[in-house]
Amino acid sequence: MNVTASSADYGQIALTASLAKKQQEAQGQTALQLIESTAVTVPQPTQVESSKSSPNERVGSNVNIMV
């Protein structure tokens, strides 16, 4: 059994691989943009705000867990 591929077959394989790579890169960029768009930033209290807050507002902000 003689298994050979012509140069046209190699060209087709290379083109298919190139298109698949570009598609994967586009999907990766889309996924990264989606992840970045869902990121939530939590504003940190300033010194003025933290001095105005009562101790009860801070309950649960520090949790000690021992395993």
C-alpha atoms as a PDB file:
ATOM      1  CA  MET A   1       0.000   0.000   0.000  1.00  0.00           C
ATOM      2  CA  ASN A   2       1.524   3.257  -1.112  1.00  0.00           C
ATOM      3  CA  VAL A   3       0.389   6.221   0.995  1.00  0.00           C
ATOM      4  CA  THR A   4       1.538   9.491  -0.477  1.00  0.00           C
ATOM      5  CA  ALA A   5       0.096  12.953  -0.547  1.00  0.00           C
ATOM      6  CA  SER A   6       0.503  15.413  -3.338  1.00  0.00           C
ATOM      7  CA  SER A   7       1.743  18.945  -2.763  1.00  0.00           C
ATOM      8  CA  ALA A   8      -1.831  20.142  -3.281  1.00  0.00           C
ATOM      9  CA  ASP A   9      -2.910  17.942  -0.372  1.00  0.00           C
ATOM     10  CA  TYR A  10      -0.176  19.444   1.822  1.00  0.00           C
ATOM     11  CA  GLY A  11      -1.333  22.921   0.835  1.00  0.00           C
ATOM     12  CA  GLN A  12      -4.906  22.081   1.757  1.00  0.00           C
ATOM     13  CA  ILE A  13      -3.779  20.646   5.106  1.00  0.00           C
ATOM     14  CA  ALA A  14      -1.702  23.760   5.845  1.00  0.00           C
ATOM     15  CA  LEU A  15      -4.596  26.064   4.939  1.00  0.00           C
ATOM     16  CA  THR A  16      -7.003  24.107   7.134  1.00  0.00           C
ATOM     17  CA  ALA A  17      -4.571  24.199  10.058  1.00  0.00           C
ATOM     18  CA  SER A  18      -4.040  27.936   9.613  1.00  0.00           C
ATOM     19  CA  LEU A  19      -7.776  28.635   9.566  1.00  0.00           C
ATOM     20  CA  ALA A  20      -8.325  26.454  12.621  1.00  0.00           C
ATOM     21  CA  LYS A  21      -5.588  28.315  14.493  1.00  0.00           C
ATOM     22  CA  LYS A  22      -7.095  31.705  13.621  1.00  0.00           C
ATOM     23  CA  GLN A  23     -10.529  30.503  14.758  1.00  0.00           C
ATOM     24  CA  GLN A  24      -9.139  29.289  18.095  1.00  0.00           C
ATOM     25  CA  GLU A  25      -7.334  32.597  18.646  1.00  0.00           C
ATOM     26  CA  ALA A  26     -10.528  34.529  17.913  1.00  0.00           C
ATOM     27  CA  GLN A  27     -12.489  32.365  20.346  1.00  0.00           C
ATOM     28  CA  GLY A  28      -9.799  32.859  22.988  1.00  0.00           C
ATOM     29  CA  GLN A  29      -9.906  36.639  22.576  1.00  0.00           C
ATOM     30  CA  THR A  30     -13.696  36.585  22.825  1.00  0.00           C
ATOM     31  CA  ALA A  31     -13.517  34.504  26.000  1.00  0.00           C
ATOM     32  CA  LEU A  32     -10.969  36.878  27.549  1.00  0.00           C
ATOM     33  CA  GLN A  33     -13.128  39.888  26.707  1.00  0.00           C
ATOM     34  CA  LEU A  34     -16.139  38.194  28.281  1.00  0.00           C
ATOM     35  CA  ILE A  35     -14.196  37.401  31.446  1.00  0.00           C
ATOM     36  CA  GLU A  36     -12.840  40.949  31.670  1.00  0.00           C
ATOM     37  CA  SER A  37     -16.292  42.449  31.153  1.00  0.00           C
ATOM     38  CA  THR A  38     -17.714  40.484  34.077  1.00  0.00           C
ATOM     39  CA  ALA A  39     -14.937  41.450  36.491  1.00  0.00           C
ATOM     40  CA  VAL A  40     -16.305  43.467  39.382  1.00  0.00           C
ATOM     41  CA  THR A  41     -14.180  45.988  41.207  1.00  0.00           C
ATOM     42  CA  VAL A  42     -15.028  46.687  44.812  1.00  0.00           C
ATOM     43  CA  PRO A  43     -14.272  50.216  45.912  1.00  0.00           C
ATOM     44  CA  GLN A  44     -12.110  50.391  49.016  1.00  0.00           C
ATOM     45  CA  PRO A  45     -13.334  52.690  51.804  1.00  0.00           C
ATOM     46  CA  THR A  46     -11.351  55.849  52.314  1.00  0.00           C
ATOM     47  CA  GLN A  47     -10.145  56.979  55.735  1.00  0.00           C
ATOM     48  CA  VAL A  48     -13.029  59.452  56.007  1.00  0.00           C
ATOM     49  CA  GLU A  49     -15.614  56.778  55.205  1.00  0.00           C
ATOM     50  CA  SER A  50     -14.101  54.187  57.532  1.00  0.00           C
ATOM     51  CA  SER A  51     -14.031  56.633  60.460  1.00  0.00           C
ATOM     52  CA  LYS A  52     -17.747  57.400  59.930  1.00  0.00           C
ATOM     53  CA  SER A  53     -18.812  53.757  59.793  1.00  0.00           C
ATOM     54  CA  SER A  54     -20.042  52.055  62.908  1.00  0.00           C
ATOM     55  CA  PRO A  55     -18.400  48.843  64.159  1.00  0.00           C
ATOM     56  CA  ASN A  56     -21.504  46.849  63.190  1.00  0.00           C
ATOM     57  CA  GLU A  57     -20.998  47.709  59.512  1.00  0.00           C
ATOM     58  CA  ARG A  58     -17.662  45.888  59.566  1.00  0.00           C
ATOM     59  CA  VAL A  59     -18.973  42.672  61.160  1.00  0.00           C
ATOM     60  CA  GLY A  60     -17.920  39.648  59.136  1.00  0.00           C
ATOM     61  CA  SER A  61     -15.240  41.436  57.156  1.00  0.00           C
ATOM     62  CA  ASN A  62     -12.527  39.436  58.921  1.00  0.00           C
ATOM     63  CA  VAL A  63     -13.195  35.734  59.246  1.00  0.00           C
ATOM     64  CA  ASN A  64     -10.680  33.421  60.891  1.00  0.00           C
ATOM     65  CA  ILE A  65     -10.914  29.842  59.688  1.00  0.00           C
ATOM     66  CA  MET A  66      -8.856  27.022  61.179  1.00  0.00           C
ATOM     67  CA  VAL A  67      -8.673  23.730  59.328  1.00  0.00           C
END
